Amino acid sequence: MDSQRRIFLLSAARITALAAAGAVLSGSSAGAATRLNGTAYPFALGVASGSPLPDAVVLWTRICYDPLQAGATPPIALNLRWEVADDEAFRRIVAKGQATATPALAHSVHVDVGGLAPGRWYWYRFLFGDAVSPVGRTRTAPAADTLPASLKLAVASCQHWEFGAYAAHRHIAAAAPDLVAFLGDYIYEWGPYQLQHPGRATRTHESFTLDEYRARYAQYKSDPDLQGAHLAAPWIVTWDDHEVANDYANDRDELLTPSFLARRAAAYQAFYEHMPLRLLPLGRRGFVDMRIYQRYDWGRLARFHVLDDRQYRAHHACAKPGRGGSNSVTTRHCPDLLQPQRTMLGEEQQRWLQDGLDKSPARWNILAQQTLMAQSSQVPILRPGDERIWTDGWDGYPLARQRLLDAVQSSQASNPLVLSGDVHTFYATELSRNAMRPASKDNPVLATEFCGTSITSSSRPQARTAEYVAMNPHIRYGRSDKRGYMLLEITPEKTTTLFQGLENVRDSASPIATLASFTVQDGKAGVQPG
């Protein structure tokens, strides 16, 4: 593992290429600025864009000189400039303005640039004094009444810093996608806070406070390959558990901590501070309740229903004594699994999803969400009730899953696709009302699911995954021994999904290869090889 690729501290050559070296701060900011490592380059965490609409996109940056001393930025408001151009050389600037980076939001900036033309690429940058940020490429969504010929979508999740290099992000950038969907575990709240990548990571230095979460994001976002993937295209994002705490559910963590909501609010705020996210109005409790589920249309080609299956879910069924979090149980010995009130999305989000499906004009309806939706029994099923399942995923909420599939079926939304992450494994699955019965007229395939592996986070041995596939016939493919991402090519006629796997996750220069490819034809749910 080349640790230098993970050390964010920008070399003089890179600073020259990205910005004006030796930035000079102006106005009241100049006296307070601290020159760190001899450069005082304020855009050490790069820039990003996301939440694209036909006429708008969100631009993001955070003023930070040193990711390992993220709190060293002067505790004053800092004025930045921003520019958007329709050419990379910025000869034709189409929008520009000023923004203020405040200490209250860790000197992060979110600029919602409106008035843009639909369905086209733009370039953007930030300026602070004489310092110029890296130049990012972004694009708007197509106009609502158009049917684009294609959409190239990269899908990623689960990037534990200590478990490998971010080579997959380098390949995402090289693929030049139109859009990136990140499905959770952007950071891991636990793990040693250090630059090295040990062969055996340990759970130490866990994040609990706002400052600690901010520091963890700064560490992760210092990676040049991750920054490169943000520069390549706009992102849409959701979170999973590790942005807050392992296996949390709603207001409960594994340790049943009485003050958990305060920790969750800190984590939610830090997430917003570091994502190119269009924030919906906060309620009276601020970041304690932060709505992240949102909808994005790509003309009439695709509608993205971006879900949140953490904040509103019921507590885990049959948790271990004295604890919250997940467990591995048989359905026969955990009757709480079938309690009708158990929810994964919450009532309000479920209604929102139903409405979005019912009214969707899109050729493809894409549910971008956190974890494997397909039933995945961990032991052979000899009789009903013998299923051994993991309670943190959709298997732990079977009636909630049924309600979601009922919504898909009743809406008659065109070509439902489910995109998943969390389990660090490539899966191609077919979703029906009764997973253990063959698909038929009475048990049709209602949706196709593609689950991506992790960027770095480790998984189970491939031999065990092969057993899961054999025991669950609706799971058509499973591969857990490779890290990487998914690349989808979506056209009006079909969607092709490539499972892209790294040769060696611990090598920042690792090549990547297509492990498997699958096609879903317009009007025909189900997985077809090739």
Protein backbone atom coordinates (compact mmCIF):
# COMPACT_ATOMS: atom_id res chain seq x y z
CA MET A 1 0.00 0.00 0.00
CA ASP A 2 1.47 3.35 -1.07
CA SER A 3 0.64 5.42 1.98
CA GLN A 4 1.74 8.60 0.23
CA ARG A 5 -1.36 8.49 -1.92
CA ARG A 6 -3.43 8.65 1.23
CA ILE A 7 -1.48 11.51 2.77
CA PHE A 8 -3.48 14.48 1.80
CA LEU A 9 -0.77 17.11 2.31
CA LEU A 10 -0.52 18.59 -1.15
CA SER A 11 2.89 18.82 -2.75
CA ALA A 12 4.10 22.08 -4.22
CA ALA A 13 3.68 20.62 -7.70
CA ARG A 14 0.07 19.67 -7.08
CA ILE A 15 -0.71 23.06 -5.57
CA THR A 16 0.75 24.71 -8.65
CA ALA A 17 -1.43 22.57 -10.87
CA LEU A 18 -4.62 23.11 -8.88
CA ALA A 19 -4.28 26.65 -7.61
CA ALA A 20 -2.11 29.63 -7.02
CA ALA A 21 0.61 28.47 -4.64
CA GLY A 22 1.13 30.34 -1.42
CA ALA A 23 -2.37 31.77 -1.12
CA VAL A 24 -2.60 35.28 0.27
CA LEU A 25 -5.69 35.92 2.36
CA SER A 26 -7.37 39.28 2.09
CA GLY A 27 -9.40 41.56 4.35
CA SER A 28 -10.09 40.64 7.95
CA SER A 29 -9.32 37.01 7.22
CA ALA A 30 -5.67 37.69 6.54
CA GLY A 31 -4.62 38.45 10.07
CA ALA A 32 -6.32 35.39 11.49
CA ALA A 33 -5.16 32.88 8.90
CA THR A 34 -2.55 30.38 9.99
CA ARG A 35 -0.02 29.14 7.47
CA LEU A 36 0.22 25.40 7.97
CA ASN A 37 2.91 23.26 6.34
CA GLY A 38 4.18 26.28 4.49
CA THR A 39 1.33 26.44 2.01
CA ALA A 40 -1.82 27.85 3.64
CA TYR A 41 -3.80 26.23 0.83
CA PRO A 42 -7.41 26.51 1.96
CA PHE A 43 -8.99 23.89 -0.34
CA ALA A 44 -7.24 20.83 1.07
CA LEU A 45 -10.49 18.84 1.05
CA GLY A 46 -11.25 19.58 -2.58
CA VAL A 47 -14.62 20.55 -4.00
CA ALA A 48 -17.77 18.65 -4.92
CA SER A 49 -21.15 19.04 -6.57
CA GLY A 50 -24.44 17.23 -6.26
CA SER A 51 -28.23 17.17 -5.97
CA PRO A 52 -28.67 18.02 -9.68
CA LEU A 53 -31.93 19.49 -10.95
CA PRO A 54 -32.72 20.57 -14.53
CA ASP A 55 -31.81 24.18 -13.69
CA ALA A 56 -29.64 23.90 -10.59
CA VAL A 57 -26.83 22.08 -8.84
CA VAL A 58 -25.26 22.34 -5.37
CA LEU A 59 -21.57 23.25 -5.16
CA TRP A 60 -19.59 22.38 -2.03
CA THR A 61 -16.26 23.08 -0.42
CA ARG A 62 -14.85 23.48 3.08
CA ILE A 63 -12.06 25.84 4.04
CA CYS A 64 -9.53 23.58 5.73
CA TYR A 65 -5.76 23.88 5.66
CA ASP A 66 -4.81 20.59 7.28
CA PRO A 67 -7.15 17.58 7.57
CA LEU A 68 -5.21 16.30 10.56
CA GLN A 69 -5.76 19.60 12.37
CA ALA A 70 -9.17 20.45 10.96
CA GLY A 71 -9.99 22.71 13.88
CA ALA A 72 -7.06 25.01 13.13
CA THR A 73 -9.03 27.11 10.62
CA PRO A 74 -9.53 30.58 12.15
CA PRO A 75 -12.84 30.75 14.06
CA ILE A 76 -14.20 33.64 12.00
CA ALA A 77 -16.49 33.94 8.98
CA LEU A 78 -14.58 33.76 5.70
CA ASN A 79 -15.79 35.18 2.40
CA LEU A 80 -15.33 33.09 -0.73
CA ARG A 81 -16.11 33.61 -4.39
CA TRP A 82 -17.41 30.99 -6.77
CA GLU A 83 -17.67 30.71 -10.54
CA VAL A 84 -19.49 28.41 -12.96
CA ALA A 85 -18.50 28.26 -16.62
CA ASP A 86 -19.57 26.31 -19.66
CA ASP A 87 -15.94 25.65 -20.58
CA GLU A 88 -13.07 24.21 -18.56
CA ALA A 89 -10.85 27.25 -19.17
CA PHE A 90 -13.49 29.58 -17.65
CA ARG A 91 -13.59 31.81 -20.71
CA ARG A 92 -17.40 31.80 -20.64
CA ILE A 93 -18.57 32.28 -17.05
CA VAL A 94 -22.32 31.77 -16.77
CA ALA A 95 -22.79 32.32 -13.02
CA LYS A 96 -20.74 33.71 -10.16
CA GLY A 97 -21.19 35.03 -6.68
CA GLN A 98 -19.98 35.11 -3.10
CA ALA A 99 -20.54 32.78 -0.18
CA THR A 100 -19.63 32.89 3.49
CA ALA A 101 -17.94 30.00 5.27
CA THR A 102 -18.86 30.16 8.96
CA PRO A 103 -17.40 28.34 11.96
CA ALA A 104 -20.91 27.16 12.88
CA LEU A 105 -20.82 24.82 9.86
CA ALA A 106 -17.10 24.01 10.00
CA HIS A 107 -16.40 26.61 7.30
CA SER A 108 -18.29 24.50 4.78
CA VAL A 109 -20.06 26.16 1.88
CA HIS A 110 -23.12 24.98 -0.01
CA VAL A 111 -24.04 27.10 -3.04
CA ASP A 112 -27.29 26.18 -4.78
CA VAL A 113 -26.61 27.58 -8.25
CA GLY A 114 -29.83 28.16 -10.19
CA GLY A 115 -30.66 29.49 -13.62
CA LEU A 116 -28.61 26.86 -15.45
CA ALA A 117 -29.55 25.16 -18.70
CA PRO A 118 -30.87 21.60 -18.44
CA GLY A 119 -28.93 18.53 -19.49
CA ARG A 120 -25.48 19.99 -19.92
CA TRP A 121 -22.01 19.96 -18.41
CA TYR A 122 -20.51 22.85 -16.47
CA TRP A 123 -17.22 23.55 -14.71
CA TYR A 124 -16.94 25.28 -11.34
CA ARG A 125 -14.37 26.55 -8.86
CA PHE A 126 -14.04 28.49 -5.62
CA LEU A 127 -11.65 31.36 -4.93
CA PHE A 128 -10.39 32.58 -1.57
CA GLY A 129 -7.99 35.47 -1.68
CA ASP A 130 -5.46 34.43 -4.33
CA ALA A 131 -6.12 30.73 -3.84
CA VAL A 132 -8.06 28.87 -6.52
CA SER A 133 -9.71 25.55 -5.79
CA PRO A 134 -9.47 22.49 -8.00
CA VAL A 135 -11.83 22.72 -10.96
CA GLY A 136 -14.80 20.39 -10.75
CA ARG A 137 -17.03 19.13 -13.54
CA THR A 138 -20.75 18.96 -12.94
CA ARG A 139 -23.98 18.76 -14.89
CA THR A 140 -27.63 19.51 -14.62
CA ALA A 141 -30.37 16.94 -14.99
CA PRO A 142 -32.14 16.79 -18.36
CA ALA A 143 -35.35 18.74 -18.87
CA ALA A 144 -38.42 17.07 -17.42
CA ASP A 145 -40.11 16.45 -20.78
CA THR A 146 -37.09 14.86 -22.50
CA LEU A 147 -36.10 11.22 -22.88
CA PRO A 148 -32.29 11.09 -22.77
CA ALA A 149 -30.54 8.45 -24.84
CA SER A 150 -28.50 7.22 -21.88
CA LEU A 151 -27.32 7.76 -18.32
CA LYS A 152 -23.99 6.45 -17.06
CA LEU A 153 -24.28 5.93 -13.31
CA ALA A 154 -21.55 4.90 -10.85
CA VAL A 155 -22.73 3.41 -7.54
CA ALA A 156 -20.49 3.10 -4.47
CA SER A 157 -20.62 2.58 -0.70
CA CYS A 158 -18.66 1.55 2.40
CA GLN A 159 -15.16 3.07 2.39
CA HIS A 160 -13.48 2.24 5.68
CA TRP A 161 -10.19 4.15 5.62
CA GLU A 162 -8.15 1.51 7.43
CA PHE A 163 -9.09 -1.38 5.13
CA GLY A 164 -7.52 -0.24 1.87
CA ALA A 165 -6.80 2.40 -0.71
CA TYR A 166 -9.47 4.35 -2.56
CA ALA A 167 -8.38 3.04 -5.95
CA ALA A 168 -12.01 2.35 -6.85
CA HIS A 169 -12.64 6.10 -6.80
CA ARG A 170 -9.81 6.60 -9.28
CA HIS A 171 -11.57 4.19 -11.62
CA ILE A 172 -14.93 5.89 -11.05
CA ALA A 173 -13.40 9.18 -12.17
CA ALA A 174 -11.80 7.49 -15.19
CA ALA A 175 -15.19 6.04 -16.21
CA ALA A 176 -16.49 9.63 -16.59
CA PRO A 177 -20.01 8.96 -15.27
CA ASP A 178 -22.89 11.39 -15.65
CA LEU A 179 -23.82 10.85 -12.01
CA VAL A 180 -22.49 9.09 -8.89
CA ALA A 181 -24.80 7.58 -6.26
CA PHE A 182 -23.22 6.93 -2.86
CA LEU A 183 -25.34 4.63 -0.68
CA GLY A 184 -23.85 5.03 2.77
CA ASP A 185 -20.89 4.47 5.08
CA TYR A 186 -18.95 7.39 3.63
CA ILE A 187 -17.00 7.36 6.90
CA TYR A 188 -16.68 4.83 9.72
CA GLU A 189 -17.12 6.30 13.15
CA TRP A 190 -14.66 3.82 14.61
CA GLY A 191 -11.18 2.74 13.62
CA PRO A 192 -7.76 4.21 14.42
CA TYR A 193 -7.37 7.82 13.43
CA GLN A 194 -4.07 7.62 11.60
CA LEU A 195 -2.54 7.78 8.13
CA GLN A 196 -1.22 4.25 7.97
CA HIS A 197 -3.35 1.30 6.90
CA PRO A 198 -2.60 -1.64 9.20
CA GLY A 199 -3.22 -5.21 8.19
CA ARG A 200 -5.48 -5.54 11.20
CA ALA A 201 -7.64 -2.57 12.10
CA THR A 202 -8.93 -2.16 15.63
CA ARG A 203 -11.92 -0.29 17.02
CA THR A 204 -10.33 2.66 18.81
CA HIS A 205 -10.74 6.44 18.81
CA GLU A 206 -14.45 6.31 18.03
CA SER A 207 -16.21 9.54 17.03
CA PHE A 208 -18.85 10.85 19.44
CA THR A 209 -18.76 14.66 19.25
CA LEU A 210 -19.29 17.10 16.41
CA ASP A 211 -15.60 17.97 16.34
CA GLU A 212 -14.66 14.29 16.20
CA TYR A 213 -17.01 13.58 13.30
CA ARG A 214 -15.70 16.66 11.50
CA ALA A 215 -12.14 15.43 11.96
CA ARG A 216 -13.05 12.00 10.59
CA TYR A 217 -14.61 13.51 7.46
CA ALA A 218 -11.57 15.70 6.95
CA GLN A 219 -9.33 12.64 7.13
CA TYR A 220 -11.40 10.72 4.59
CA LYS A 221 -11.85 13.64 2.22
CA SER A 222 -8.11 14.28 2.15
CA ASP A 223 -7.72 11.27 -0.15
CA PRO A 224 -6.84 12.44 -3.71
CA ASP A 225 -8.73 9.60 -5.41
CA LEU A 226 -11.91 10.35 -3.47
CA GLN A 227 -11.49 14.01 -4.33
CA GLY A 228 -11.06 13.01 -7.98
CA ALA A 229 -14.35 11.12 -8.02
CA HIS A 230 -16.09 14.20 -6.65
CA LEU A 231 -14.45 16.33 -9.36
CA ALA A 232 -15.70 14.06 -12.13
CA ALA A 233 -19.49 14.35 -11.77
CA PRO A 234 -22.32 15.39 -9.45
CA TRP A 235 -23.26 13.04 -6.60
CA ILE A 236 -26.51 12.04 -4.96
CA VAL A 237 -26.04 10.64 -1.46
CA THR A 238 -27.68 8.89 1.42
CA TRP A 239 -26.30 7.60 4.70
CA ASP A 240 -26.20 4.25 6.48
CA ASP A 241 -25.19 3.42 10.04
CA HIS A 242 -21.48 4.24 10.22
CA GLU A 243 -21.99 7.92 9.55
CA VAL A 244 -23.37 7.79 13.10
CA ALA A 245 -22.86 4.50 14.96
CA ASN A 246 -22.74 0.83 14.03
CA ASP A 247 -26.19 -0.76 13.62
CA TYR A 248 -28.10 2.14 15.10
CA ALA A 249 -31.87 2.18 14.62
CA ASN A 250 -33.82 5.42 14.95
CA ASP A 251 -32.98 6.76 18.43
CA ARG A 252 -31.17 3.67 19.73
CA ASP A 253 -27.56 2.53 19.41
CA GLU A 254 -25.91 -0.77 20.31
CA LEU A 255 -25.14 0.33 23.88
CA LEU A 256 -28.60 1.82 24.52
CA THR A 257 -26.95 5.14 25.33
CA PRO A 258 -29.46 7.56 26.95
CA SER A 259 -27.91 10.59 25.19
CA PHE A 260 -27.72 8.95 21.77
CA LEU A 261 -29.89 11.56 20.03
CA ALA A 262 -27.30 14.24 20.82
CA ARG A 263 -24.63 12.10 19.19
CA ARG A 264 -26.88 11.45 16.20
CA ALA A 265 -27.50 15.17 15.75
CA ALA A 266 -23.77 15.85 15.76
CA ALA A 267 -23.21 13.13 13.17
CA TYR A 268 -26.05 14.36 10.97
CA GLN A 269 -24.69 17.89 11.05
CA ALA A 270 -21.20 16.72 10.14
CA PHE A 271 -22.67 14.70 7.26
CA TYR A 272 -24.38 17.77 5.87
CA GLU A 273 -21.25 19.88 6.34
CA HIS A 274 -19.29 17.53 4.07
CA MET A 275 -21.79 16.56 1.37
CA PRO A 276 -22.99 18.46 -1.75
CA LEU A 277 -26.52 18.14 -0.43
CA ARG A 278 -29.54 20.38 -0.83
CA LEU A 279 -30.73 20.62 2.76
CA LEU A 280 -34.46 20.69 3.31
CA PRO A 281 -35.71 23.02 6.07
CA LEU A 282 -34.80 21.77 9.52
CA GLY A 283 -37.42 21.43 12.23
CA ARG A 284 -37.35 23.03 15.63
CA ARG A 285 -34.84 20.44 16.86
CA GLY A 286 -32.32 21.31 14.16
CA PHE A 287 -30.06 18.45 13.10
CA VAL A 288 -31.70 16.05 15.56
CA ASP A 289 -34.24 15.46 12.77
CA MET A 290 -32.71 15.87 9.33
CA ARG A 291 -34.66 14.67 6.32
CA ILE A 292 -32.37 13.14 3.72
CA TYR A 293 -34.79 11.17 1.55
CA GLN A 294 -35.20 13.08 -1.70
CA ARG A 295 -36.25 12.51 -5.31
CA TYR A 296 -34.29 13.28 -8.47
CA ASP A 297 -35.55 12.97 -12.04
CA TRP A 298 -33.29 12.39 -15.05
CA GLY A 299 -35.79 13.60 -17.61
CA ARG A 300 -38.25 10.82 -18.38
CA LEU A 301 -35.45 8.24 -18.43
CA ALA A 302 -35.01 7.66 -14.68
CA ARG A 303 -36.47 8.72 -11.37
CA PHE A 304 -34.28 8.25 -8.29
CA HIS A 305 -36.13 7.66 -5.02
CA VAL A 306 -33.27 8.16 -2.52
CA LEU A 307 -34.30 6.51 0.74
CA ASP A 308 -33.34 6.71 4.43
CA ASP A 309 -33.74 3.36 6.18
CA ARG A 310 -31.95 4.39 9.42
CA GLN A 311 -33.63 7.41 10.97
CA TYR A 312 -37.21 6.14 11.08
CA ARG A 313 -36.90 2.37 11.41
CA ALA A 314 -38.24 0.31 14.30
CA HIS A 315 -35.71 -0.94 16.80
CA HIS A 316 -34.06 -4.25 16.00
CA ALA A 317 -36.11 -7.33 16.80
CA CYS A 318 -34.68 -9.89 19.21
CA ALA A 319 -31.54 -7.96 20.07
CA LYS A 320 -29.04 -9.55 22.42
CA PRO A 321 -29.87 -9.08 26.11
CA GLY A 322 -29.07 -5.59 27.35
CA ARG A 323 -28.09 -4.31 23.91
CA GLY A 324 -29.44 -2.76 20.76
CA GLY A 325 -28.21 -3.45 17.27
CA SER A 326 -28.34 -6.50 15.06
CA ASN A 327 -28.48 -10.19 15.80
CA SER A 328 -28.59 -13.41 13.80
CA VAL A 329 -31.84 -15.24 14.56
CA THR A 330 -34.23 -17.82 13.19
CA THR A 331 -37.66 -16.53 12.30
CA ARG A 332 -39.26 -19.35 14.32
CA HIS A 333 -37.61 -18.11 17.53
CA CYS A 334 -38.13 -14.38 16.90
CA PRO A 335 -41.88 -13.73 16.59
CA ASP A 336 -41.28 -9.98 16.98
CA LEU A 337 -40.05 -9.96 13.38
CA LEU A 338 -43.68 -10.28 12.23
CA GLN A 339 -45.16 -7.51 14.36
CA PRO A 340 -47.25 -5.49 11.85
CA GLN A 341 -46.19 -2.09 13.18
CA ARG A 342 -42.49 -2.70 12.49
CA THR A 343 -41.25 -0.24 9.88
CA MET A 344 -38.06 0.41 7.95
CA LEU A 345 -38.94 3.74 6.35
CA GLY A 346 -41.52 5.19 8.73
CA GLU A 347 -45.06 6.07 7.72
CA GLU A 348 -44.32 9.50 6.26
CA GLN A 349 -41.47 8.30 4.04
CA GLN A 350 -43.51 5.25 2.98
CA ARG A 351 -46.34 7.55 1.82
CA TRP A 352 -43.85 9.80 0.05
CA LEU A 353 -42.40 6.79 -1.77
CA GLN A 354 -45.85 5.52 -2.75
CA ASP A 355 -46.75 8.94 -4.14
CA GLY A 356 -43.49 9.19 -6.08
CA LEU A 357 -44.01 5.76 -7.61
CA ASP A 358 -47.68 6.38 -8.40
CA LYS A 359 -46.94 9.61 -10.27
CA SER A 360 -43.64 8.66 -11.86
CA PRO A 361 -43.30 9.41 -15.60
CA ALA A 362 -39.92 7.70 -15.75
CA ARG A 363 -38.94 4.70 -17.84
CA TRP A 364 -36.82 3.41 -14.93
CA ASN A 365 -37.72 3.84 -11.25
CA ILE A 366 -34.60 3.49 -9.14
CA LEU A 367 -34.74 2.99 -5.38
CA ALA A 368 -31.32 4.11 -4.12
CA GLN A 369 -31.06 2.76 -0.59
CA GLN A 370 -28.71 1.26 1.94
CA THR A 371 -28.80 -2.49 2.35
CA LEU A 372 -29.66 -5.79 0.65
CA MET A 373 -33.40 -6.03 0.11
CA ALA A 374 -33.59 -9.64 -1.07
CA GLN A 375 -34.28 -12.34 1.50
CA SER A 376 -31.01 -14.01 2.41
CA SER A 377 -31.35 -17.04 4.65
CA GLN A 378 -28.03 -18.05 6.22
CA VAL A 379 -28.94 -21.74 6.57
CA PRO A 380 -30.83 -24.26 4.39
CA ILE A 381 -34.59 -23.95 4.87
CA LEU A 382 -36.18 -27.29 5.66
CA ARG A 383 -39.55 -25.89 6.76
CA PRO A 384 -41.12 -22.44 7.25
CA GLY A 385 -39.60 -20.69 10.24
CA ASP A 386 -36.17 -22.25 9.84
CA GLU A 387 -34.74 -19.18 8.12
CA ARG A 388 -31.72 -17.77 9.94
CA ILE A 389 -31.44 -14.11 9.09
CA TRP A 390 -29.48 -10.99 10.00
CA THR A 391 -31.76 -8.47 11.64
CA ASP A 392 -30.06 -5.21 10.58
CA GLY A 393 -31.01 -5.59 6.91
CA TRP A 394 -34.42 -5.84 5.27
CA ASP A 395 -34.65 -9.46 6.49
CA GLY A 396 -35.11 -8.00 9.96
CA TYR A 397 -38.14 -6.04 8.71
CA PRO A 398 -40.02 -8.55 6.50
CA LEU A 399 -43.43 -6.88 6.67
CA ALA A 400 -41.91 -3.48 5.92
CA ARG A 401 -40.24 -5.05 2.89
CA GLN A 402 -43.60 -6.48 1.86
CA ARG A 403 -45.22 -3.06 2.12
CA LEU A 404 -42.52 -1.60 -0.09
CA LEU A 405 -42.97 -4.31 -2.70
CA ASP A 406 -46.74 -3.83 -2.50
CA ALA A 407 -46.18 -0.14 -3.22
CA VAL A 408 -44.05 -1.01 -6.23
CA GLN A 409 -46.68 -3.43 -7.54
CA SER A 410 -49.73 -1.26 -6.95
CA SER A 411 -48.11 1.82 -8.50
CA GLN A 412 -47.35 -0.01 -11.74
CA ALA A 413 -44.26 2.20 -11.92
CA SER A 414 -42.17 1.29 -14.93
CA ASN A 415 -39.07 -0.89 -14.52
CA PRO A 416 -38.34 -0.74 -10.77
CA LEU A 417 -34.67 -1.20 -9.90
CA VAL A 418 -33.30 -1.41 -6.37
CA LEU A 419 -29.70 -0.30 -5.76
CA SER A 420 -28.14 -1.42 -2.48
CA GLY A 421 -24.90 -1.42 -0.49
CA ASP A 422 -23.90 -2.09 3.14
CA VAL A 423 -23.13 -5.84 2.93
CA HIS A 424 -19.80 -5.46 1.08
CA THR A 425 -20.84 -7.98 -1.58
CA PHE A 426 -21.93 -7.89 -5.20
CA TYR A 427 -25.40 -9.38 -5.55
CA ALA A 428 -27.85 -9.60 -8.45
CA THR A 429 -31.29 -10.55 -7.17
CA GLU A 430 -34.94 -10.78 -8.18
CA LEU A 431 -37.57 -9.47 -5.77
CA SER A 432 -41.02 -11.06 -5.49
CA ARG A 433 -43.68 -11.43 -2.81
CA ASN A 434 -42.54 -14.96 -1.94
CA ALA A 435 -38.80 -15.18 -2.37
CA MET A 436 -38.55 -18.92 -1.77
CA ARG A 437 -41.11 -19.85 -4.44
CA PRO A 438 -40.24 -19.86 -8.13
CA ALA A 439 -41.33 -16.80 -10.08
CA SER A 440 -44.69 -17.34 -11.78
CA LYS A 441 -47.85 -15.53 -12.82
CA ASP A 442 -49.02 -15.71 -9.21
CA ASN A 443 -45.59 -14.77 -7.85
CA PRO A 444 -44.12 -12.34 -10.37
CA VAL A 445 -40.74 -10.69 -10.17
CA LEU A 446 -41.63 -7.17 -9.03
CA ALA A 447 -38.21 -5.56 -9.13
CA THR A 448 -34.58 -6.26 -9.92
CA GLU A 449 -31.92 -5.54 -7.33
CA PHE A 450 -28.23 -4.84 -7.80
CA CYS A 451 -26.16 -4.65 -4.64
CA GLY A 452 -22.63 -3.28 -4.78
CA THR A 453 -19.57 -4.35 -2.89
CA SER A 454 -17.57 -1.89 -0.81
CA ILE A 455 -14.91 0.61 -1.82
CA THR A 456 -12.62 -0.88 0.86
CA SER A 457 -14.55 -2.49 3.73
CA SER A 458 -13.96 -6.22 4.16
CA SER A 459 -16.48 -9.03 3.74
CA ARG A 460 -16.95 -12.78 4.30
CA PRO A 461 -15.07 -15.50 2.34
CA GLN A 462 -16.40 -16.16 -1.15
CA ALA A 463 -17.12 -19.80 -0.27
CA ARG A 464 -19.67 -18.68 2.30
CA THR A 465 -21.31 -16.28 -0.16
CA ALA A 466 -21.59 -19.14 -2.67
CA GLU A 467 -23.51 -21.08 -0.02
CA TYR A 468 -25.89 -18.13 0.45
CA VAL A 469 -26.56 -18.02 -3.28
CA ALA A 470 -27.24 -21.76 -3.37
CA MET A 471 -29.70 -21.49 -0.46
CA ASN A 472 -31.55 -18.47 -1.91
CA PRO A 473 -32.51 -19.17 -5.53
CA HIS A 474 -33.75 -15.62 -6.16
CA ILE A 475 -30.16 -14.43 -5.61
CA ARG A 476 -28.72 -14.98 -9.07
CA TYR A 477 -25.14 -13.94 -8.34
CA GLY A 478 -22.95 -13.20 -5.32
CA ARG A 479 -19.31 -12.16 -5.06
CA SER A 480 -17.79 -11.04 -1.74
CA ASP A 481 -14.03 -11.39 -2.25
CA LYS A 482 -13.56 -8.21 -4.31
CA ARG A 483 -13.85 -4.54 -3.54
CA GLY A 484 -14.98 -1.99 -6.11
CA TYR A 485 -18.15 -0.36 -7.41
CA MET A 486 -21.05 -0.75 -9.85
CA LEU A 487 -21.30 0.97 -13.23
CA LEU A 488 -24.73 1.19 -14.85
CA GLU A 489 -25.58 2.19 -18.40
CA ILE A 490 -29.27 3.13 -18.48
CA THR A 491 -31.06 3.59 -21.80
CA PRO A 492 -34.75 3.60 -22.71
CA GLU A 493 -34.42 0.01 -23.94
CA LYS A 494 -32.35 -1.60 -21.17
CA THR A 495 -30.12 -1.18 -18.16
CA THR A 496 -26.73 -2.87 -18.12
CA THR A 497 -24.93 -3.26 -14.79
CA LEU A 498 -21.21 -3.99 -14.52
CA PHE A 499 -19.70 -5.28 -11.28
CA GLN A 500 -16.24 -3.70 -11.23
CA GLY A 501 -13.71 -5.41 -8.93
CA LEU A 502 -10.22 -4.30 -7.91
CA GLU A 503 -7.30 -6.68 -8.18
CA ASN A 504 -5.87 -5.54 -4.83
CA VAL A 505 -7.70 -3.14 -2.55
CA ARG A 506 -4.52 -2.32 -0.64
CA ASP A 507 -2.76 -1.05 -3.75
CA SER A 508 -3.67 2.51 -4.73
CA ALA A 509 -2.54 1.73 -8.29
CA SER A 510 -4.60 -1.47 -8.53
CA PRO A 511 -6.19 -2.26 -11.89
CA ILE A 512 -9.88 -3.09 -12.07
CA ALA A 513 -11.85 -5.62 -14.10
CA THR A 514 -15.47 -6.43 -14.87
CA LEU A 515 -16.37 -9.46 -12.74
CA ALA A 516 -19.88 -9.89 -14.14
CA SER A 517 -22.44 -7.99 -16.18
CA PHE A 518 -26.24 -8.16 -16.19
CA THR A 519 -28.99 -6.67 -18.30
CA VAL A 520 -32.58 -5.76 -17.45
CA GLN A 521 -34.79 -5.22 -20.47
CA ASP A 522 -37.44 -2.51 -20.57
CA GLY A 523 -40.74 -4.04 -19.47
CA LYS A 524 -39.25 -7.27 -18.14
CA ALA A 525 -38.10 -7.42 -14.50
CA GLY A 526 -35.39 -9.94 -13.76
CA VAL A 527 -31.69 -10.56 -14.22
CA GLN A 528 -30.21 -11.58 -17.56
CA PRO A 529 -26.45 -12.25 -17.87
CA GLY A 530 -24.45 -10.12 -20.27
